[in-house]
Amino acid sequence: MSARVLVIGGAGYIGSVCARVFAQAGHDVVTYDDLSTGHAAAVTGQLVEADIRDRATLREVLRTKPFDAVLHFAARSVVGDSVHQPAGYFDVNVAGTLGLVQEMLSAGVRRMVFSSTCAIYGTPPQLPLTEDLPFAPVSPYGETKAMVERFLELCREREGLNVTCLRYFNAAGAMPDGSLGEAHNPETHLIPLAIHAALGKRPPLKLFGTDYPTRDGTCVRDYIHVLDLADAHLRAMDRLLEGDSGDAYNVGTGNGTTVREVLEAVGRAAGTPVPYSDADRRAGDPAALYAQSDKIQSALGWVPQHTDLDDIVASAVKWARSPRY
């Protein structure tokens, strides 16, 4: 079923890949992004350059042409930055989403897939992480996403908004053809930081914490290829278009990988070891986070196709060697 989809934050890393995948699947995509962290060169379809908090532009866009659904990626998302500047995070992530949903409902657009995060779980009481765990975020960023999920659940129950929240783990990788990839400034994610260090594009990496209760003393995380995330969005949207009211799902591989194992994989893909130095733990970093994704596999038939870390890293290295933006 072909749909007209508004992609909020569609010039960013995950949003741009999802927009491309949706267009390839036959959907009509319009991208809405203020380009504060995204890139015009990454956009698929028409670009509306505007802030999510710009209610007048949202109203005009949503009412000018009929949209079947919204993909919502726009957010401030640097955990450390949120600790020092929480007001800006609540303004964009919470207030921005509230305004978006109000304009959607006013325009009669009642389907949304929302970009959430495993950060809503905080320091987990058990592993792997399941969707029924209580929200216990340890950062303002995680708190904003938890608040939005609670708000969207109320809108589903009481205002007829059909919405699915996808709780990402660690997105990584790039489009196989090298056309889209990760390009943040500043960069905060481990895999691109390690790649840039290996390629000599930045100073040696700092390895934060080597004394965790894990198999090699470093943090364990669940790395998922961005194309598998896009497939999860596509399946979630298809189900909403079929009349489903939506749900919340973890989107991860279920495989835990240590920081040292990531550095080794980057070294293999780049052909040179990652230079690094040991550093103290960062406050708020749980020892391990990885998903149980049985729920989305059962409900939506989603199964990750890119589970080999070397393959994920190789696509990211290809992008880093010759980024298009």
Protein backbone atom coordinates (compact mmCIF):
# COMPACT_ATOMS: atom_id res chain seq x y z
CA MET A 1 0.00 0.00 0.00
CA SER A 2 1.58 3.26 -1.15
CA ALA A 3 1.33 6.19 1.25
CA ARG A 4 2.26 9.86 1.44
CA VAL A 5 4.65 10.21 4.39
CA LEU A 6 6.04 13.28 6.14
CA VAL A 7 9.50 12.53 7.57
CA ILE A 8 10.27 14.90 10.44
CA GLY A 9 14.04 15.03 10.87
CA GLY A 10 14.57 13.28 7.56
CA ALA A 11 17.92 14.96 6.82
CA GLY A 12 19.64 13.28 9.78
CA TYR A 13 21.45 9.95 9.89
CA ILE A 14 18.64 7.50 10.63
CA GLY A 15 15.88 9.68 9.20
CA SER A 16 17.59 10.04 5.82
CA VAL A 17 18.16 6.30 5.48
CA CYS A 18 14.55 5.57 6.43
CA ALA A 19 13.26 8.17 3.97
CA ARG A 20 15.33 6.58 1.20
CA VAL A 21 14.09 3.08 2.05
CA PHE A 22 10.47 4.29 2.16
CA ALA A 23 10.83 5.93 -1.26
CA GLN A 24 12.39 2.75 -2.67
CA ALA A 25 9.37 0.85 -1.32
CA GLY A 26 7.04 3.09 -3.35
CA HIS A 27 5.96 5.65 -0.75
CA ASP A 28 5.76 9.38 -1.54
CA VAL A 29 8.19 11.04 0.88
CA VAL A 30 8.40 14.68 1.98
CA THR A 31 11.25 15.63 4.33
CA TYR A 32 10.83 18.24 7.08
CA ASP A 33 14.10 19.32 8.75
CA ASP A 34 15.72 22.53 9.98
CA LEU A 35 19.18 21.28 8.89
CA SER A 36 20.65 22.20 12.29
CA THR A 37 22.29 18.77 12.46
CA GLY A 38 21.05 17.19 9.21
CA HIS A 39 22.32 17.60 5.66
CA ALA A 40 20.46 18.81 2.58
CA ALA A 41 22.51 16.40 0.46
CA ALA A 42 21.01 13.48 2.41
CA VAL A 43 17.39 14.42 1.71
CA THR A 44 15.03 12.20 -0.26
CA GLY A 45 12.08 13.91 -1.97
CA GLN A 46 10.94 17.46 -1.34
CA LEU A 47 12.60 19.32 1.55
CA VAL A 48 10.67 21.68 3.83
CA GLU A 49 13.35 23.52 5.80
CA ALA A 50 11.79 24.39 9.15
CA ASP A 51 11.99 23.72 12.89
CA ILE A 52 9.67 21.16 14.52
CA ARG A 53 8.62 23.92 16.93
CA ASP A 54 7.38 26.08 14.03
CA ARG A 55 3.67 25.39 14.44
CA ALA A 56 2.61 27.64 11.58
CA THR A 57 4.78 25.81 9.05
CA LEU A 58 3.76 22.42 10.39
CA ARG A 59 0.12 23.45 10.07
CA GLU A 60 0.59 24.64 6.51
CA VAL A 61 2.49 21.52 5.42
CA LEU A 62 0.09 19.07 7.04
CA ARG A 63 -3.00 20.78 5.61
CA THR A 64 -1.76 21.69 2.12
CA LYS A 65 -1.52 18.11 0.94
CA PRO A 66 -3.02 15.00 2.51
CA PHE A 67 -0.49 12.89 4.43
CA ASP A 68 -1.22 9.32 5.43
CA ALA A 69 1.41 9.18 8.15
CA VAL A 70 4.37 10.84 9.88
CA LEU A 71 7.79 9.41 10.72
CA HIS A 72 9.19 11.41 13.64
CA PHE A 73 12.99 11.48 14.07
CA ALA A 74 13.61 15.11 15.04
CA ALA A 75 15.29 15.40 18.43
CA ARG A 76 18.29 16.63 20.31
CA SER A 77 20.08 13.41 21.22
CA VAL A 78 23.53 13.88 22.80
CA VAL A 79 23.24 12.39 26.28
CA GLY A 80 26.12 14.33 27.83
CA ASP A 81 24.92 17.60 26.37
CA SER A 82 21.44 16.98 27.80
CA VAL A 83 22.90 16.80 31.32
CA HIS A 84 24.24 20.34 31.04
CA GLN A 85 21.45 21.86 28.91
CA PRO A 86 18.23 20.04 29.81
CA ALA A 87 15.91 22.94 28.97
CA GLY A 88 16.75 22.82 25.28
CA TYR A 89 16.15 19.07 25.19
CA PHE A 90 12.71 19.34 26.76
CA ASP A 91 11.87 22.24 24.44
CA VAL A 92 12.69 20.35 21.23
CA ASN A 93 11.98 16.74 22.17
CA VAL A 94 8.90 17.15 24.36
CA ALA A 95 7.31 20.48 23.44
CA GLY A 96 8.20 19.99 19.77
CA THR A 97 6.49 16.60 19.69
CA LEU A 98 3.44 17.91 21.53
CA GLY A 99 2.99 20.65 18.95
CA LEU A 100 3.53 18.22 16.08
CA VAL A 101 0.88 15.83 17.38
CA GLN A 102 -1.61 18.64 17.92
CA GLU A 103 -1.12 19.83 14.34
CA MET A 104 -1.38 16.27 13.03
CA LEU A 105 -4.66 15.62 14.83
CA SER A 106 -6.04 18.99 13.72
CA ALA A 107 -5.19 18.10 10.12
CA GLY A 108 -6.65 14.60 10.41
CA VAL A 109 -3.30 12.79 10.20
CA ARG A 110 -3.53 9.95 12.70
CA ARG A 111 -0.58 7.63 12.08
CA MET A 112 2.93 8.06 13.46
CA VAL A 113 6.09 6.02 13.95
CA PHE A 114 8.17 7.61 16.70
CA SER A 115 11.93 7.35 17.12
CA SER A 116 12.51 6.34 20.75
CA THR A 117 15.51 4.85 22.55
CA CYS A 118 16.72 2.22 24.98
CA ALA A 119 17.85 5.16 27.17
CA ILE A 120 14.34 5.17 28.65
CA TYR A 121 15.29 2.04 30.62
CA GLY A 122 18.26 3.62 32.41
CA THR A 123 20.43 1.17 34.35
CA PRO A 124 18.57 -2.08 33.72
CA PRO A 125 17.47 -4.44 36.51
CA GLN A 126 17.78 -7.36 34.09
CA LEU A 127 19.17 -8.35 30.71
CA PRO A 128 18.21 -8.64 27.95
CA LEU A 129 15.94 -5.61 28.04
CA THR A 130 12.25 -6.30 27.49
CA GLU A 131 9.51 -3.82 26.65
CA ASP A 132 7.67 -4.34 29.94
CA LEU A 133 10.53 -2.96 32.06
CA PRO A 134 9.69 0.30 33.88
CA PHE A 135 11.01 3.58 32.55
CA ALA A 136 14.00 4.68 34.65
CA PRO A 137 16.08 7.09 32.52
CA VAL A 138 19.31 8.44 34.02
CA SER A 139 19.75 11.41 31.64
CA PRO A 140 17.54 14.33 30.62
CA TYR A 141 17.67 12.99 27.04
CA GLY A 142 16.26 9.64 28.17
CA GLU A 143 13.67 11.41 30.30
CA THR A 144 12.43 13.43 27.30
CA LYS A 145 11.90 10.26 25.28
CA ALA A 146 10.12 8.55 28.19
CA MET A 147 7.83 11.56 28.62
CA VAL A 148 7.00 11.56 24.91
CA GLU A 149 6.21 7.84 24.97
CA ARG A 150 3.81 8.37 27.89
CA PHE A 151 2.18 11.28 26.05
CA LEU A 152 1.83 9.28 22.83
CA GLU A 153 0.28 6.35 24.71
CA LEU A 154 -2.38 8.68 26.10
CA CYS A 155 -3.00 10.06 22.61
CA ARG A 156 -3.42 6.50 21.31
CA GLU A 157 -5.91 5.68 24.05
CA ARG A 158 -7.91 8.89 24.09
CA GLU A 159 -7.43 10.85 20.86
CA GLY A 160 -7.32 8.17 18.17
CA LEU A 161 -3.63 8.56 17.29
CA ASN A 162 -2.30 5.31 15.88
CA VAL A 163 1.34 5.38 16.94
CA THR A 164 4.23 2.94 17.24
CA CYS A 165 7.34 3.74 19.27
CA LEU A 166 10.56 2.05 18.19
CA ARG A 167 13.16 1.88 20.95
CA TYR A 168 16.54 1.91 19.20
CA PHE A 169 19.71 0.44 20.52
CA ASN A 170 23.02 1.56 18.91
CA ALA A 171 22.49 2.43 15.24
CA ALA A 172 25.52 1.92 13.03
CA GLY A 173 26.59 1.34 9.44
CA ALA A 174 25.79 3.07 6.16
CA MET A 175 24.00 2.52 2.87
CA PRO A 176 25.87 -0.16 0.91
CA ASP A 177 26.33 2.13 -2.10
CA GLY A 178 28.00 4.77 0.06
CA SER A 179 25.30 7.36 -0.62
CA LEU A 180 24.18 7.89 3.00
CA GLY A 181 26.01 7.55 6.29
CA GLU A 182 26.73 8.98 9.71
CA ALA A 183 27.91 12.61 9.68
CA HIS A 184 27.53 14.34 13.04
CA ASN A 185 29.35 17.46 14.18
CA PRO A 186 30.53 16.92 16.81
CA GLU A 187 30.58 13.14 16.54
CA THR A 188 29.72 11.26 19.76
CA HIS A 189 29.13 7.66 18.63
CA LEU A 190 31.74 4.99 19.22
CA ILE A 191 32.02 3.37 15.78
CA PRO A 192 32.58 6.56 13.72
CA LEU A 193 34.89 7.94 16.42
CA ALA A 194 36.96 4.75 16.33
CA ILE A 195 37.03 4.77 12.52
CA HIS A 196 38.16 8.40 12.39
CA ALA A 197 40.89 7.65 14.93
CA ALA A 198 42.08 4.63 12.92
CA LEU A 199 42.13 6.70 9.71
CA GLY A 200 44.07 9.49 11.39
CA LYS A 201 41.20 11.98 11.10
CA ARG A 202 41.05 12.64 14.85
CA PRO A 203 43.19 12.12 17.96
CA PRO A 204 43.38 8.70 19.65
CA LEU A 205 40.14 7.46 21.15
CA LYS A 206 39.45 7.55 24.88
CA LEU A 207 38.23 4.22 26.21
CA PHE A 208 35.91 5.18 29.06
CA GLY A 209 36.03 2.44 31.68
CA THR A 210 38.01 -0.81 31.63
CA ASP A 211 36.84 -2.27 34.94
CA TYR A 212 33.20 -3.10 34.24
CA PRO A 213 31.91 -6.57 35.22
CA THR A 214 31.94 -7.73 31.59
CA ARG A 215 34.02 -10.28 29.69
CA ASP A 216 36.84 -7.81 28.93
CA GLY A 217 36.11 -4.97 31.37
CA THR A 218 34.51 -2.61 28.83
CA CYS A 219 30.86 -1.70 28.28
CA VAL A 220 28.59 -4.02 26.31
CA ARG A 221 26.15 -2.58 23.77
CA ASP A 222 23.78 -3.82 21.06
CA TYR A 223 24.76 -2.52 17.58
CA ILE A 224 22.11 -2.58 14.87
CA HIS A 225 22.58 -1.72 11.22
CA VAL A 226 20.70 1.39 10.15
CA LEU A 227 19.11 -0.56 7.27
CA ASP A 228 17.56 -2.96 9.79
CA LEU A 229 16.18 0.05 11.66
CA ALA A 230 14.69 1.32 8.40
CA ASP A 231 13.07 -2.05 7.79
CA ALA A 232 11.52 -1.92 11.28
CA HIS A 233 10.03 1.50 10.47
CA LEU A 234 8.68 0.23 7.18
CA ARG A 235 7.00 -2.74 8.82
CA ALA A 236 5.60 -0.62 11.65
CA MET A 237 4.15 1.86 9.17
CA ASP A 238 2.66 -0.87 7.00
CA ARG A 239 0.87 -2.26 10.06
CA LEU A 240 -0.52 1.18 10.95
CA LEU A 241 -1.74 1.62 7.36
CA GLU A 242 -3.56 -1.71 7.74
CA GLY A 243 -5.50 -0.27 10.69
CA ASP A 244 -3.40 -1.27 13.71
CA SER A 245 -3.40 1.17 16.63
CA GLY A 246 0.33 0.77 17.29
CA ASP A 247 2.60 -0.44 20.09
CA ALA A 248 6.15 -0.09 21.45
CA TYR A 249 9.03 -2.33 20.38
CA ASN A 250 12.71 -2.80 21.11
CA VAL A 251 14.77 -2.73 17.92
CA GLY A 252 18.09 -4.45 18.51
CA THR A 253 19.93 -7.60 17.51
CA GLY A 254 20.08 -9.10 21.00
CA ASN A 255 23.84 -9.47 20.61
CA GLY A 256 26.03 -7.74 23.18
CA THR A 257 29.38 -6.42 21.91
CA THR A 258 32.09 -4.92 24.09
CA VAL A 259 33.89 -1.68 23.31
CA ARG A 260 37.15 -3.57 22.84
CA GLU A 261 35.44 -5.90 20.34
CA VAL A 262 34.22 -2.85 18.40
CA LEU A 263 37.74 -1.45 18.28
CA GLU A 264 39.08 -4.77 17.00
CA ALA A 265 36.39 -4.89 14.28
CA VAL A 266 37.22 -1.32 13.22
CA GLY A 267 40.90 -2.21 13.08
CA ARG A 268 40.16 -5.16 10.79
CA ALA A 269 37.94 -3.10 8.47
CA ALA A 270 40.26 -0.08 8.35
CA GLY A 271 43.40 -2.16 8.00
CA THR A 272 45.07 -0.42 10.93
CA PRO A 273 44.58 -0.62 14.71
CA VAL A 274 42.51 1.99 16.50
CA PRO A 275 44.79 4.19 18.64
CA TYR A 276 43.30 4.72 22.10
CA SER A 277 44.06 5.44 25.72
CA ASP A 278 42.29 4.19 28.82
CA ALA A 279 40.13 6.66 30.73
CA ASP A 280 37.85 6.66 33.75
CA ARG A 281 34.25 5.56 33.51
CA ARG A 282 31.67 8.14 32.48
CA ALA A 283 28.87 8.81 34.93
CA GLY A 284 25.63 7.11 33.99
CA ASP A 285 27.10 4.48 31.62
CA PRO A 286 25.53 1.10 32.43
CA ALA A 287 27.86 -1.88 32.15
CA ALA A 288 25.63 -3.60 29.58
CA LEU A 289 22.59 -2.85 27.42
CA TYR A 290 21.21 -5.24 24.85
CA ALA A 291 17.76 -6.00 23.56
CA GLN A 292 15.30 -8.79 23.59
CA SER A 293 13.46 -8.22 20.31
CA ASP A 294 11.08 -11.19 20.34
CA LYS A 295 8.06 -8.89 20.46
CA ILE A 296 8.75 -7.05 17.18
CA GLN A 297 9.81 -10.28 15.50
CA SER A 298 6.51 -11.92 16.47
CA ALA A 299 4.22 -8.92 15.82
CA LEU A 300 5.78 -7.45 12.68
CA GLY A 301 7.86 -10.31 11.28
CA TRP A 302 11.00 -8.17 11.63
CA VAL A 303 14.30 -10.01 11.80
CA PRO A 304 17.66 -8.18 11.59
CA GLN A 305 19.51 -9.06 8.41
CA HIS A 306 22.87 -7.43 9.22
CA THR A 307 24.01 -9.07 12.44
CA ASP A 308 27.72 -9.51 11.72
CA LEU A 309 29.65 -6.70 13.40
CA ASP A 310 32.42 -6.83 10.78
CA ASP A 311 29.87 -6.21 8.01
CA ILE A 312 28.26 -3.32 9.90
CA VAL A 313 31.64 -1.72 10.57
CA ALA A 314 32.86 -2.30 7.00
CA SER A 315 29.96 -0.26 5.60
CA ALA A 316 30.73 2.54 8.06
CA VAL A 317 34.43 2.51 7.10
CA LYS A 318 33.51 2.71 3.40
CA TRP A 319 31.43 5.79 4.13
CA ALA A 320 34.10 7.39 6.35
CA ARG A 321 36.76 7.05 3.67
CA SER A 322 34.73 9.11 1.17
CA PRO A 323 31.71 10.79 2.78
CA ARG A 324 29.41 12.60 0.36
CA TYR A 325 28.53 15.32 2.88
